[in-house]
PDB file of N, CA and C in Angstrom:
ATOM      1  N   MET A   1      18.064   5.200  22.327  1.00  0.00           N
ATOM      2  CA  MET A   1      17.338   5.821  21.225  1.00  0.00           C
ATOM      3  C   MET A   1      15.871   5.945  21.631  1.00  0.00           C
ATOM      4  N   GLN A   2      15.284   7.102  21.377  1.00  0.00           N
ATOM      5  CA  GLN A   2      13.879   7.318  21.724  1.00  0.00           C
ATOM      6  C   GLN A   2      12.982   6.398  20.898  1.00  0.00           C
ATOM      7  N   LYS A   3      11.846   6.040  21.480  1.00  0.00           N
ATOM      8  CA  LYS A   3      10.910   5.109  20.853  1.00  0.00           C
ATOM      9  C   LYS A   3      10.472   5.575  19.461  1.00  0.00           C
ATOM     10  N   LYS A   4      10.108   6.855  19.357  1.00  0.00           N
ATOM     11  CA  LYS A   4       9.628   7.395  18.078  1.00  0.00           C
ATOM     12  C   LYS A   4      10.736   7.390  17.021  1.00  0.00           C
ATOM     13  N   VAL A   5      11.943   7.773  17.427  1.00  0.00           N
ATOM     14  CA  VAL A   5      13.095   7.796  16.513  1.00  0.00           C
ATOM     15  C   VAL A   5      13.430   6.372  16.068  1.00  0.00           C
ATOM     16  N   LYS A   6      13.393   5.440  17.022  1.00  0.00           N
ATOM     17  CA  LYS A   6      13.678   4.039  16.717  1.00  0.00           C
ATOM     18  C   LYS A   6      12.653   3.485  15.723  1.00  0.00           C
ATOM     19  N   GLY A   7      11.389   3.840  15.918  1.00  0.00           N
ATOM     20  CA  GLY A   7      10.341   3.384  15.009  1.00  0.00           C
ATOM     21  C   GLY A   7      10.532   3.908  13.599  1.00  0.00           C
ATOM     22  N   LYS A   8      10.847   5.187  13.474  1.00  0.00           N
ATOM     23  CA  LYS A   8      11.094   5.791  12.157  1.00  0.00           C
ATOM     24  C   LYS A   8      12.291   5.135  11.480  1.00  0.00           C
ATOM     25  N   TYR A   9      13.341   4.895  12.251  1.00  0.00           N
ATOM     26  CA  TYR A   9      14.542   4.245  11.718  1.00  0.00           C
ATOM     27  C   TYR A   9      14.198   2.843  11.217  1.00  0.00           C
ATOM     28  N   GLY A  10      13.425   2.105  11.979  1.00  0.00           N
ATOM     29  CA  GLY A  10      13.005   0.766  11.568  1.00  0.00           C
ATOM     30  C   GLY A  10      12.167   0.798  10.297  1.00  0.00           C
ATOM     31  N   GLU A  11      11.289   1.796  10.176  1.00  0.00           N
ATOM     32  CA  GLU A  11      10.470   1.924   8.967  1.00  0.00           C
ATOM     33  C   GLU A  11      11.331   2.226   7.743  1.00  0.00           C
ATOM     34  N   GLU A  12      12.383   3.022   7.922  1.00  0.00           N
ATOM     35  CA  GLU A  12      13.309   3.297   6.816  1.00  0.00           C
ATOM     36  C   GLU A  12      14.040   2.025   6.391  1.00  0.00           C
ATOM     37  N   ILE A  13      14.494   1.249   7.370  1.00  0.00           N
ATOM     38  CA  ILE A  13      15.168  -0.023   7.071  1.00  0.00           C
ATOM     39  C   ILE A  13      14.211  -0.945   6.317  1.00  0.00           C
ATOM     40  N   ALA A  14      12.967  -1.021   6.790  1.00  0.00           N
ATOM     41  CA  ALA A  14      11.964  -1.885   6.154  1.00  0.00           C
ATOM     42  C   ALA A  14      11.673  -1.429   4.723  1.00  0.00           C
ATOM     43  N   ALA A  15      11.522  -0.117   4.519  1.00  0.00           N
ATOM     44  CA  ALA A  15      11.241   0.400   3.174  1.00  0.00           C
ATOM     45  C   ALA A  15      12.382   0.075   2.218  1.00  0.00           C
ATOM     46  N   ASN A  16      13.621   0.248   2.664  1.00  0.00           N
ATOM     47  CA  ASN A  16      14.772  -0.084   1.812  1.00  0.00           C
ATOM     48  C   ASN A  16      14.824  -1.574   1.500  1.00  0.00           C
ATOM     49  N   TYR A  17      14.513  -2.398   2.484  1.00  0.00           N
ATOM     50  CA  TYR A  17      14.448  -3.848   2.286  1.00  0.00           C
ATOM     51  C   TYR A  17      13.407  -4.194   1.218  1.00  0.00           C
ATOM     52  N   LEU A  18      12.227  -3.588   1.326  1.00  0.00           N
ATOM     53  CA  LEU A  18      11.148  -3.871   0.375  1.00  0.00           C
ATOM     54  C   LEU A  18      11.518  -3.427  -1.037  1.00  0.00           C
ATOM     55  N   ILE A  19      12.137  -2.262  -1.161  1.00  0.00           N
ATOM     56  CA  ILE A  19      12.549  -1.764  -2.476  1.00  0.00           C
ATOM     57  C   ILE A  19      13.534  -2.739  -3.113  1.00  0.00           C
ATOM     58  N   LYS A  20      14.480  -3.243  -2.326  1.00  0.00           N
ATOM     59  CA  LYS A  20      15.449  -4.223  -2.843  1.00  0.00           C
ATOM     60  C   LYS A  20      14.761  -5.509  -3.285  1.00  0.00           C
ATOM     61  N   LYS A  21      13.619  -5.828  -2.670  1.00  0.00           N
ATOM     62  CA  LYS A  21      12.849  -7.037  -3.017  1.00  0.00           C
ATOM     63  C   LYS A  21      11.889  -6.805  -4.190  1.00  0.00           C
ATOM     64  N   GLY A  22      11.900  -5.592  -4.763  1.00  0.00           N
ATOM     65  CA  GLY A  22      11.062  -5.306  -5.919  1.00  0.00           C
ATOM     66  C   GLY A  22       9.727  -4.649  -5.623  1.00  0.00           C
ATOM     67  N   TYR A  23       9.505  -4.238  -4.392  1.00  0.00           N
ATOM     68  CA  TYR A  23       8.273  -3.546  -4.038  1.00  0.00           C
ATOM     69  C   TYR A  23       8.394  -2.073  -4.420  1.00  0.00           C
ATOM     70  N   LYS A  24       7.264  -1.466  -4.722  1.00  0.00           N
ATOM     71  CA  LYS A  24       7.207  -0.024  -4.968  1.00  0.00           C
ATOM     72  C   LYS A  24       6.453   0.590  -3.796  1.00  0.00           C
ATOM     73  N   ILE A  25       7.089   1.507  -3.083  1.00  0.00           N
ATOM     74  CA  ILE A  25       6.457   2.151  -1.925  1.00  0.00           C
ATOM     75  C   ILE A  25       5.450   3.181  -2.433  1.00  0.00           C
ATOM     76  N   LEU A  26       4.199   3.022  -2.019  1.00  0.00           N
ATOM     77  CA  LEU A  26       3.129   3.943  -2.423  1.00  0.00           C
ATOM     78  C   LEU A  26       2.878   5.014  -1.370  1.00  0.00           C
ATOM     79  N   GLU A  27       2.900   4.621  -0.101  1.00  0.00           N
ATOM     80  CA  GLU A  27       2.603   5.547   1.005  1.00  0.00           C
ATOM     81  C   GLU A  27       3.375   5.085   2.236  1.00  0.00           C
ATOM     82  N   THR A  28       3.689   6.023   3.092  1.00  0.00           N
ATOM     83  CA  THR A  28       4.201   5.695   4.422  1.00  0.00           C
ATOM     84  C   THR A  28       3.343   6.428   5.436  1.00  0.00           C
ATOM     85  N   ASN A  29       3.142   5.785   6.557  1.00  0.00           N
ATOM     86  CA  ASN A  29       2.343   6.345   7.652  1.00  0.00           C
ATOM     87  C   ASN A  29       0.976   6.839   7.178  1.00  0.00           C
ATOM     88  N   PHE A  30       0.267   5.974   6.457  1.00  0.00           N
ATOM     89  CA  PHE A  30      -1.081   6.283   5.991  1.00  0.00           C
ATOM     90  C   PHE A  30      -2.023   6.248   7.185  1.00  0.00           C
ATOM     91  N   ARG A  31      -2.652   7.369   7.454  1.00  0.00           N
ATOM     92  CA  ARG A  31      -3.556   7.490   8.596  1.00  0.00           C
ATOM     93  C   ARG A  31      -4.997   7.562   8.095  1.00  0.00           C
ATOM     94  N   PHE A  32      -5.860   6.783   8.764  1.00  0.00           N
ATOM     95  CA  PHE A  32      -7.282   6.826   8.448  1.00  0.00           C
ATOM     96  C   PHE A  32      -8.059   7.085   9.725  1.00  0.00           C
ATOM     97  N   SER A  33      -8.546   8.293   9.845  1.00  0.00           N
ATOM     98  CA  SER A  33      -9.439   8.675  10.931  1.00  0.00           C
ATOM     99  C   SER A  33      -8.930   8.171  12.283  1.00  0.00           C
ATOM    100  N   ARG A  34      -9.832   7.688  13.060  1.00  0.00           N
ATOM    101  CA  ARG A  34      -9.481   7.201  14.395  1.00  0.00           C
ATOM    102  C   ARG A  34      -9.008   5.748  14.376  1.00  0.00           C
ATOM    103  N   PHE A  35      -9.084   5.109  13.228  1.00  0.00           N
ATOM    104  CA  PHE A  35      -8.740   3.691  13.168  1.00  0.00           C
ATOM    105  C   PHE A  35      -7.246   3.446  13.322  1.00  0.00           C
ATOM    106  N   GLY A  36      -6.429   4.427  13.021  1.00  0.00           N
ATOM    107  CA  GLY A  36      -4.997   4.228  13.177  1.00  0.00           C
ATOM    108  C   GLY A  36      -4.251   4.486  11.893  1.00  0.00           C
ATOM    109  N   GLU A  37      -3.096   3.834  11.782  1.00  0.00           N
ATOM    110  CA  GLU A  37      -2.283   4.055  10.607  1.00  0.00           C
ATOM    111  C   GLU A  37      -1.618   2.765  10.160  1.00  0.00           C
ATOM    112  N   VAL A  38      -1.203   2.774   8.902  1.00  0.00           N
ATOM    113  CA  VAL A  38      -0.427   1.682   8.332  1.00  0.00           C
ATOM    114  C   VAL A  38       0.960   2.250   8.071  1.00  0.00           C
ATOM    115  N   ASP A  39       1.993   1.544   8.517  1.00  0.00           N
ATOM    116  CA  ASP A  39       3.355   2.054   8.395  1.00  0.00           C
ATOM    117  C   ASP A  39       3.791   2.208   6.941  1.00  0.00           C
ATOM    118  N   ILE A  40       3.575   1.166   6.143  1.00  0.00           N
ATOM    119  CA  ILE A  40       3.989   1.204   4.740  1.00  0.00           C
ATOM    120  C   ILE A  40       2.901   0.566   3.879  1.00  0.00           C
ATOM    121  N   ILE A  41       2.581   1.233   2.783  1.00  0.00           N
ATOM    122  CA  ILE A  41       1.715   0.642   1.757  1.00  0.00           C
ATOM    123  C   ILE A  41       2.575   0.533   0.509  1.00  0.00           C
ATOM    124  N   ALA A  42       2.624  -0.665  -0.040  1.00  0.00           N
ATOM    125  CA  ALA A  42       3.490  -0.906  -1.189  1.00  0.00           C
ATOM    126  C   ALA A  42       2.745  -1.692  -2.254  1.00  0.00           C
ATOM    127  N   GLU A  43       3.294  -1.640  -3.449  1.00  0.00           N
ATOM    128  CA  GLU A  43       2.777  -2.436  -4.565  1.00  0.00           C
ATOM    129  C   GLU A  43       3.792  -3.538  -4.834  1.00  0.00           C
ATOM    130  N   HIS A  44       3.306  -4.736  -4.973  1.00  0.00           N
ATOM    131  CA  HIS A  44       4.171  -5.874  -5.279  1.00  0.00           C
ATOM    132  C   HIS A  44       3.608  -6.584  -6.501  1.00  0.00           C
ATOM    133  N   ASN A  45       4.495  -7.035  -7.346  1.00  0.00           N
ATOM    134  CA  ASN A  45       4.096  -7.699  -8.586  1.00  0.00           C
ATOM    135  C   ASN A  45       3.315  -6.716  -9.451  1.00  0.00           C
ATOM    136  N   ALA A  46       4.058  -5.865 -10.129  1.00  0.00           N
ATOM    137  CA  ALA A  46       3.474  -4.777 -10.923  1.00  0.00           C
ATOM    138  C   ALA A  46       2.435  -5.247 -11.931  1.00  0.00           C
ATOM    139  N   LEU A  47       2.563  -6.458 -12.444  1.00  0.00           N
ATOM    140  CA  LEU A  47       1.593  -6.944 -13.428  1.00  0.00           C
ATOM    141  C   LEU A  47       0.205  -7.125 -12.821  1.00  0.00           C
ATOM    142  N   ARG A  48       0.165  -7.646 -11.598  1.00  0.00           N
ATOM    143  CA  ARG A  48      -1.125  -7.864 -10.935  1.00  0.00           C
ATOM    144  C   ARG A  48      -1.510  -6.713 -10.019  1.00  0.00           C
ATOM    145  N   ARG A  49      -0.574  -5.816  -9.758  1.00  0.00           N
ATOM    146  CA  ARG A  49      -0.773  -4.664  -8.853  1.00  0.00           C
ATOM    147  C   ARG A  49      -1.334  -5.102  -7.497  1.00  0.00           C
ATOM    148  N   GLN A  50      -0.607  -6.008  -6.860  1.00  0.00           N
ATOM    149  CA  GLN A  50      -0.944  -6.464  -5.515  1.00  0.00           C
ATOM    150  C   GLN A  50      -0.591  -5.354  -4.523  1.00  0.00           C
ATOM    151  N   ILE A  51      -1.554  -4.913  -3.714  1.00  0.00           N
ATOM    152  CA  ILE A  51      -1.324  -3.870  -2.722  1.00  0.00           C
ATOM    153  C   ILE A  51      -1.027  -4.554  -1.380  1.00  0.00           C
ATOM    154  N   VAL A  52       0.079  -4.143  -0.751  1.00  0.00           N
ATOM    155  CA  VAL A  52       0.517  -4.773   0.489  1.00  0.00           C
ATOM    156  C   VAL A  52       0.553  -3.716   1.600  1.00  0.00           C
ATOM    157  N   PHE A  53      -0.132  -4.005   2.688  1.00  0.00           N
ATOM    158  CA  PHE A  53      -0.175  -3.135   3.857  1.00  0.00           C
ATOM    159  C   PHE A  53       0.761  -3.743   4.896  1.00  0.00           C
ATOM    160  N   ILE A  54       1.777  -2.973   5.317  1.00  0.00           N
ATOM    161  CA  ILE A  54       2.851  -3.533   6.127  1.00  0.00           C
ATOM    162  C   ILE A  54       2.966  -2.827   7.472  1.00  0.00           C
ATOM    163  N   GLU A  55       2.910  -3.615   8.527  1.00  0.00           N
ATOM    164  CA  GLU A  55       3.155  -3.138   9.886  1.00  0.00           C
ATOM    165  C   GLU A  55       4.620  -3.423  10.220  1.00  0.00           C
ATOM    166  N   VAL A  56       5.334  -2.415  10.697  1.00  0.00           N
ATOM    167  CA  VAL A  56       6.744  -2.559  11.034  1.00  0.00           C
ATOM    168  C   VAL A  56       6.903  -2.428  12.545  1.00  0.00           C
ATOM    169  N   LYS A  57       7.582  -3.392  13.149  1.00  0.00           N
ATOM    170  CA  LYS A  57       7.872  -3.350  14.583  1.00  0.00           C
ATOM    171  C   LYS A  57       9.383  -3.405  14.764  1.00  0.00           C
ATOM    172  N   THR A  58       9.911  -2.410  15.469  1.00  0.00           N
ATOM    173  CA  THR A  58      11.352  -2.296  15.676  1.00  0.00           C
ATOM    174  C   THR A  58      11.661  -2.383  17.165  1.00  0.00           C
ATOM    175  N   ARG A  59      12.643  -3.186  17.503  1.00  0.00           N
ATOM    176  CA  ARG A  59      13.094  -3.322  18.882  1.00  0.00           C
ATOM    177  C   ARG A  59      14.623  -3.327  18.894  1.00  0.00           C
ATOM    178  N   SER A  60      15.178  -2.918  20.026  1.00  0.00           N
ATOM    179  CA  SER A  60      16.630  -2.996  20.190  1.00  0.00           C
ATOM    180  C   SER A  60      17.060  -4.445  20.370  1.00  0.00           C
ATOM    181  N   ASP A  61      16.241  -5.205  21.106  1.00  0.00           N
ATOM    182  CA  ASP A  61      16.557  -6.612  21.384  1.00  0.00           C
ATOM    183  C   ASP A  61      15.254  -7.333  21.735  1.00  0.00           C
ATOM    184  N   THR A  62      15.365  -8.565  22.143  1.00  0.00           N
ATOM    185  CA  THR A  62      14.162  -9.345  22.471  1.00  0.00           C
ATOM    186  C   THR A  62      13.961  -9.500  23.986  1.00  0.00           C
ATOM    187  N   ASP A  63      14.572  -8.640  24.775  1.00  0.00           N
ATOM    188  CA  ASP A  63      14.441  -8.743  26.240  1.00  0.00           C
ATOM    189  C   ASP A  63      12.980  -8.702  26.696  1.00  0.00           C
ATOM    190  N   PHE A  64      12.144  -7.957  25.984  1.00  0.00           N
ATOM    191  CA  PHE A  64      10.730  -7.851  26.349  1.00  0.00           C
ATOM    192  C   PHE A  64       9.839  -8.543  25.316  1.00  0.00           C
ATOM    193  N   GLY A  65      10.385  -9.527  24.621  1.00  0.00           N
ATOM    194  CA  GLY A  65       9.631 -10.283  23.631  1.00  0.00           C
ATOM    195  C   GLY A  65      10.027  -9.914  22.207  1.00  0.00           C
ATOM    196  N   HIS A  66       9.645 -10.771  21.296  1.00  0.00           N
ATOM    197  CA  HIS A  66       9.924 -10.554  19.876  1.00  0.00           C
ATOM    198  C   HIS A  66       9.011  -9.444  19.349  1.00  0.00           C
ATOM    199  N   PRO A  67       9.490  -8.640  18.407  1.00  0.00           N
ATOM    200  CA  PRO A  67       8.648  -7.560  17.868  1.00  0.00           C
ATOM    201  C   PRO A  67       7.277  -8.027  17.357  1.00  0.00           C
ATOM    202  N   PHE A  68       7.210  -9.203  16.752  1.00  0.00           N
ATOM    203  CA  PHE A  68       5.936  -9.686  16.223  1.00  0.00           C
ATOM    204  C   PHE A  68       4.898  -9.897  17.329  1.00  0.00           C
ATOM    205  N   GLU A  69       5.350 -10.124  18.549  1.00  0.00           N
ATOM    206  CA  GLU A  69       4.420 -10.337  19.660  1.00  0.00           C
ATOM    207  C   GLU A  69       3.611  -9.083  19.976  1.00  0.00           C
ATOM    208  N   ALA A  70       4.056  -7.936  19.482  1.00  0.00           N
ATOM    209  CA  ALA A  70       3.353  -6.673  19.727  1.00  0.00           C
ATOM    210  C   ALA A  70       2.219  -6.435  18.728  1.00  0.00           C
ATOM    211  N   ILE A  71       2.009  -7.366  17.809  1.00  0.00           N
ATOM    212  CA  ILE A  71       0.944  -7.218  16.819  1.00  0.00           C
ATOM    213  C   ILE A  71      -0.182  -8.190  17.179  1.00  0.00           C
ATOM    214  N   GLY A  72      -1.150  -7.673  17.900  1.00  0.00           N
ATOM    215  CA  GLY A  72      -2.280  -8.500  18.317  1.00  0.00           C
ATOM    216  C   GLY A  72      -3.452  -8.376  17.357  1.00  0.00           C
ATOM    217  N   GLN A  73      -4.537  -9.040  17.681  1.00  0.00           N
ATOM    218  CA  GLN A  73      -5.730  -9.019  16.834  1.00  0.00           C
ATOM    219  C   GLN A  73      -6.334  -7.630  16.725  1.00  0.00           C
ATOM    220  N   GLN A  74      -6.295  -6.866  17.799  1.00  0.00           N
ATOM    221  CA  GLN A  74      -6.850  -5.510  17.752  1.00  0.00           C
ATOM    222  C   GLN A  74      -6.064  -4.653  16.751  1.00  0.00           C
ATOM    223  N   LYS A  75      -4.739  -4.771  16.776  1.00  0.00           N
ATOM    224  CA  LYS A  75      -3.905  -4.029  15.828  1.00  0.00           C
ATOM    225  C   LYS A  75      -4.187  -4.498  14.404  1.00  0.00           C
ATOM    226  N   MET A  76      -4.334  -5.792  14.216  1.00  0.00           N
ATOM    227  CA  MET A  76      -4.632  -6.333  12.887  1.00  0.00           C
ATOM    228  C   MET A  76      -5.970  -5.806  12.365  1.00  0.00           C
ATOM    229  N   GLN A  77      -6.965  -5.699  13.248  1.00  0.00           N
ATOM    230  CA  GLN A  77      -8.266  -5.165  12.848  1.00  0.00           C
ATOM    231  C   GLN A  77      -8.132  -3.711  12.397  1.00  0.00           C
ATOM    232  N   LYS A  78      -7.331  -2.926  13.111  1.00  0.00           N
ATOM    233  CA  LYS A  78      -7.127  -1.524  12.734  1.00  0.00           C
ATOM    234  C   LYS A  78      -6.422  -1.415  11.381  1.00  0.00           C
ATOM    235  N   ILE A  79      -5.428  -2.254  11.161  1.00  0.00           N
ATOM    236  CA  ILE A  79      -4.733  -2.253   9.866  1.00  0.00           C
ATOM    237  C   ILE A  79      -5.715  -2.620   8.761  1.00  0.00           C
ATOM    238  N   PHE A  80      -6.567  -3.616   9.017  1.00  0.00           N
ATOM    239  CA  PHE A  80      -7.558  -4.048   8.031  1.00  0.00           C
ATOM    240  C   PHE A  80      -8.520  -2.908   7.699  1.00  0.00           C
ATOM    241  N   GLN A  81      -8.968  -2.171   8.709  1.00  0.00           N
ATOM    242  CA  GLN A  81      -9.878  -1.044   8.474  1.00  0.00           C
ATOM    243  C   GLN A  81      -9.191   0.056   7.661  1.00  0.00           C
ATOM    244  N   CYS A  82      -7.938   0.334   7.976  1.00  0.00           N
ATOM    245  CA  CYS A  82      -7.180   1.318   7.191  1.00  0.00           C
ATOM    246  C   CYS A  82      -7.008   0.833   5.750  1.00  0.00           C
ATOM    247  N   ALA A  83      -6.752  -0.460   5.597  1.00  0.00           N
ATOM    248  CA  ALA A  83      -6.598  -1.035   4.259  1.00  0.00           C
ATOM    249  C   ALA A  83      -7.888  -0.861   3.455  1.00  0.00           C
ATOM    250  N   GLN A  84      -9.028  -1.130   4.081  1.00  0.00           N
ATOM    251  CA  GLN A  84     -10.306  -0.980   3.395  1.00  0.00           C
ATOM    252  C   GLN A  84     -10.524   0.471   2.954  1.00  0.00           C
ATOM    253  N   ALA A  85     -10.152   1.421   3.798  1.00  0.00           N
ATOM    254  CA  ALA A  85     -10.294   2.842   3.457  1.00  0.00           C
ATOM    255  C   ALA A  85      -9.388   3.203   2.284  1.00  0.00           C
ATOM    256  N   TYR A  86      -8.161   2.715   2.295  1.00  0.00           N
ATOM    257  CA  TYR A  86      -7.219   3.012   1.215  1.00  0.00           C
ATOM    258  C   TYR A  86      -7.723   2.419  -0.108  1.00  0.00           C
ATOM    259  N   LEU A  87      -8.196   1.187  -0.056  1.00  0.00           N
ATOM    260  CA  LEU A  87      -8.702   0.528  -1.271  1.00  0.00           C
ATOM    261  C   LEU A  87      -9.951   1.238  -1.799  1.00  0.00           C
ATOM    262  N   ALA A  88     -10.780   1.769  -0.895  1.00  0.00           N
ATOM    263  CA  ALA A  88     -11.953   2.532  -1.330  1.00  0.00           C
ATOM    264  C   ALA A  88     -11.519   3.783  -2.087  1.00  0.00           C
ATOM    265  N   GLN A  89     -10.458   4.417  -1.635  1.00  0.00           N
ATOM    266  CA  GLN A  89      -9.931   5.588  -2.354  1.00  0.00           C
ATOM    267  C   GLN A  89      -9.453   5.199  -3.753  1.00  0.00           C
ATOM    268  N   LEU A  90      -8.796   4.030  -3.864  1.00  0.00           N
ATOM    269  CA  LEU A  90      -8.360   3.572  -5.190  1.00  0.00           C
ATOM    270  C   LEU A  90      -9.563   3.357  -6.108  1.00  0.00           C
ATOM    271  N   ARG A  91     -10.628   2.743  -5.554  1.00  0.00           N
ATOM    272  CA  ARG A  91     -11.828   2.489  -6.364  1.00  0.00           C
ATOM    273  C   ARG A  91     -12.471   3.798  -6.801  1.00  0.00           C
ATOM    274  N   GLU A  92     -12.515   4.786  -5.904  1.00  0.00           N
ATOM    275  CA  GLU A  92     -13.094   6.093  -6.250  1.00  0.00           C
ATOM    276  C   GLU A  92     -12.321   6.747  -7.395  1.00  0.00           C
ATOM    277  N   ARG A  93     -11.006   6.582  -7.379  1.00  0.00           N
ATOM    278  CA  ARG A  93     -10.162   7.157  -8.441  1.00  0.00           C
ATOM    279  C   ARG A  93     -10.072   6.235  -9.655  1.00  0.00           C
ATOM    280  N   LYS A  94     -10.796   5.122  -9.584  1.00  0.00           N
ATOM    281  CA  LYS A  94     -10.822   4.118 -10.659  1.00  0.00           C
ATOM    282  C   LYS A  94      -9.419   3.591 -10.987  1.00  0.00           C
ATOM    283  N   GLU A  95      -8.615   3.428  -9.937  1.00  0.00           N
ATOM    284  CA  GLU A  95      -7.278   2.845 -10.082  1.00  0.00           C
ATOM    285  C   GLU A  95      -7.394   1.345  -9.817  1.00  0.00           C
ATOM    286  N   PRO A  96      -7.066   0.528 -10.790  1.00  0.00           N
ATOM    287  CA  PRO A  96      -7.194  -0.919 -10.613  1.00  0.00           C
ATOM    288  C   PRO A  96      -6.122  -1.484  -9.678  1.00  0.00           C
ATOM    289  N   TYR A  97      -6.474  -2.550  -9.000  1.00  0.00           N
ATOM    290  CA  TYR A  97      -5.505  -3.288  -8.202  1.00  0.00           C
ATOM    291  C   TYR A  97      -5.923  -4.753  -8.224  1.00  0.00           C
ATOM    292  N   GLY A  98      -4.956  -5.635  -8.022  1.00  0.00           N
ATOM    293  CA  GLY A  98      -5.228  -7.061  -8.150  1.00  0.00           C
ATOM    294  C   GLY A  98      -5.284  -7.799  -6.841  1.00  0.00           C
ATOM    295  N   GLY A  99      -5.818  -7.187  -5.831  1.00  0.00           N
ATOM    296  CA  GLY A  99      -5.914  -7.823  -4.526  1.00  0.00           C
ATOM    297  C   GLY A  99      -5.011  -7.137  -3.519  1.00  0.00           C
ATOM    298  N   PHE A 100      -5.105  -7.614  -2.275  1.00  0.00           N
ATOM    299  CA  PHE A 100      -4.281  -7.019  -1.229  1.00  0.00           C
ATOM    300  C   PHE A 100      -3.929  -8.065  -0.196  1.00  0.00           C
ATOM    301  N   GLN A 101      -2.932  -7.732   0.600  1.00  0.00           N
ATOM    302  CA  GLN A 101      -2.557  -8.579   1.724  1.00  0.00           C
ATOM    303  C   GLN A 101      -1.950  -7.703   2.816  1.00  0.00           C
ATOM    304  N   ILE A 102      -1.884  -8.272   4.017  1.00  0.00           N
ATOM    305  CA  ILE A 102      -1.272  -7.589   5.154  1.00  0.00           C
ATOM    306  C   ILE A 102      -0.029  -8.367   5.545  1.00  0.00           C
ATOM    307  N   ASP A 103       1.093  -7.657   5.646  1.00  0.00           N
ATOM    308  CA  ASP A 103       2.370  -8.245   6.038  1.00  0.00           C
ATOM    309  C   ASP A 103       2.858  -7.581   7.317  1.00  0.00           C
ATOM    310  N   ALA A 104       3.851  -8.182   7.935  1.00  0.00           N
ATOM    311  CA  ALA A 104       4.523  -7.590   9.087  1.00  0.00           C
ATOM    312  C   ALA A 104       6.026  -7.768   8.912  1.00  0.00           C
ATOM    313  N   ILE A 105       6.761  -6.755   9.321  1.00  0.00           N
ATOM    314  CA  ILE A 105       8.224  -6.809   9.288  1.00  0.00           C
ATOM    315  C   ILE A 105       8.739  -6.485  10.677  1.00  0.00           C
ATOM    316  N   SER A 106       9.660  -7.314  11.166  1.00  0.00           N
ATOM    317  CA  SER A 106      10.303  -7.019  12.446  1.00  0.00           C
ATOM    318  C   SER A 106      11.752  -6.636  12.178  1.00  0.00           C
ATOM    319  N   ILE A 107      12.227  -5.676  12.961  1.00  0.00           N
ATOM    320  CA  ILE A 107      13.597  -5.204  12.867  1.00  0.00           C
ATOM    321  C   ILE A 107      14.213  -5.315  14.264  1.00  0.00           C
ATOM    322  N   LEU A 108      15.330  -6.028  14.363  1.00  0.00           N
ATOM    323  CA  LEU A 108      16.079  -6.099  15.613  1.00  0.00           C
ATOM    324  C   LEU A 108      17.380  -5.340  15.426  1.00  0.00           C
ATOM    325  N   LEU A 109      17.537  -4.259  16.178  1.00  0.00           N
ATOM    326  CA  LEU A 109      18.659  -3.351  15.975  1.00  0.00           C
ATOM    327  C   LEU A 109      19.957  -3.795  16.642  1.00  0.00           C
ATOM    328  N   ASN A 110      19.898  -4.766  17.569  1.00  0.00           N
ATOM    329  CA  ASN A 110      21.122  -5.170  18.264  1.00  0.00           C
ATOM    330  C   ASN A 110      22.024  -6.043  17.391  1.00  0.00           C
ATOM    331  N   GLU A 111      21.551  -6.440  16.237  1.00  0.00           N
ATOM    332  CA  GLU A 111      22.352  -7.227  15.302  1.00  0.00           C
ATOM    333  C   GLU A 111      22.984  -6.285  14.289  1.00  0.00           C
ATOM    334  N   LYS A 112      24.136  -6.646  13.785  1.00  0.00           N
ATOM    335  CA  LYS A 112      24.817  -5.837  12.767  1.00  0.00           C
ATOM    336  C   LYS A 112      25.023  -6.678  11.525  1.00  0.00           C
ATOM    337  N   PRO A 113      24.391  -6.367  10.419  1.00  0.00           N
ATOM    338  CA  PRO A 113      23.355  -5.353  10.232  1.00  0.00           C
ATOM    339  C   PRO A 113      22.068  -5.762  10.958  1.00  0.00           C
ATOM    340  N   PRO A 114      21.133  -4.824  11.112  1.00  0.00           N
ATOM    341  CA  PRO A 114      19.888  -5.157  11.806  1.00  0.00           C
ATOM    342  C   PRO A 114      19.210  -6.380  11.181  1.00  0.00           C
ATOM    343  N   LYS A 115      18.669  -7.232  12.034  1.00  0.00           N
ATOM    344  CA  LYS A 115      17.994  -8.451  11.568  1.00  0.00           C
ATOM    345  C   LYS A 115      16.580  -8.111  11.125  1.00  0.00           C
ATOM    346  N   ILE A 116      16.236  -8.509   9.908  1.00  0.00           N
ATOM    347  CA  ILE A 116      14.918  -8.232   9.325  1.00  0.00           C
ATOM    348  C   ILE A 116      14.186  -9.557   9.126  1.00  0.00           C
ATOM    349  N   GLN A 117      12.954  -9.629   9.590  1.00  0.00           N
ATOM    350  CA  GLN A 117      12.090 -10.778   9.321  1.00  0.00           C
ATOM    351  C   GLN A 117      10.809 -10.254   8.693  1.00  0.00           C
ATOM    352  N   HIS A 118      10.328 -10.957   7.676  1.00  0.00           N
ATOM    353  CA  HIS A 118       9.163 -10.516   6.918  1.00  0.00           C
ATOM    354  C   HIS A 118       8.140 -11.653   6.907  1.00  0.00           C
ATOM    355  N   LEU A 119       6.996 -11.408   7.526  1.00  0.00           N
ATOM    356  CA  LEU A 119       5.873 -12.361   7.489  1.00  0.00           C
ATOM    357  C   LEU A 119       4.871 -11.844   6.469  1.00  0.00           C
ATOM    358  N   GLU A 120       4.516 -12.701   5.516  1.00  0.00           N
ATOM    359  CA  GLU A 120       3.642 -12.279   4.436  1.00  0.00           C
ATOM    360  C   GLU A 120       2.234 -12.852   4.574  1.00  0.00           C
ATOM    361  N   ASN A 121       1.266 -12.077   4.093  1.00  0.00           N
ATOM    362  CA  ASN A 121      -0.126 -12.504   3.975  1.00  0.00           C
ATOM    363  C   ASN A 121      -0.713 -13.007   5.293  1.00  0.00           C
ATOM    364  N   LEU A 122      -0.705 -12.128   6.288  1.00  0.00           N
ATOM    365  CA  LEU A 122      -1.254 -12.483   7.596  1.00  0.00           C
ATOM    366  C   LEU A 122      -2.770 -12.520   7.561  1.00  0.00           C
ATOM    367  N   GLU A 123      -3.340 -13.367   8.391  1.00  0.00           N
ATOM    368  CA  GLU A 123      -4.803 -13.471   8.485  1.00  0.00           C
ATOM    369  C   GLU A 123      -5.351 -12.500   9.509  1.00  0.00           C
ATOM    370  N   VAL A 124      -6.492 -11.948   9.210  1.00  0.00           N
ATOM    371  CA  VAL A 124      -7.214 -11.112  10.173  1.00  0.00           C
ATOM    372  C   VAL A 124      -8.428 -11.909  10.607  1.00  0.00           C
ATOM    373  N   LEU A 125      -8.495 -12.173  11.901  1.00  0.00           N
ATOM    374  CA  LEU A 125      -9.619 -12.967  12.425  1.00  0.00           C
ATOM    375  C   LEU A 125     -10.726 -12.081  12.929  1.00  0.00           C
TER     376      LEU A 125
END
């Protein structure tokens, strides 16, 4: 499977997983200038309107490392910058939100069904 196709497939799996967990998908592949993109932006806990920025990493197997190992500090900084831009747009539109966090989801396709791991509220250093 081509890298781009595999990534899109993993993002679909992640979005369906999040919906089943009660998340509302707000955006996919949100791009901000040269800083990069966020795979999924979702709302969690509708009462507090927590905005969650999610990086999805999909691999066929772990032969070249676990998917989470591909998320370094530089990538986290780019996600944080995109998150700040998205939140600024919400403030401009006067849309309230109750905070935000950055999560990561890994998808391993060699398992049936694909293995999903979700790390919540990652720190940006």
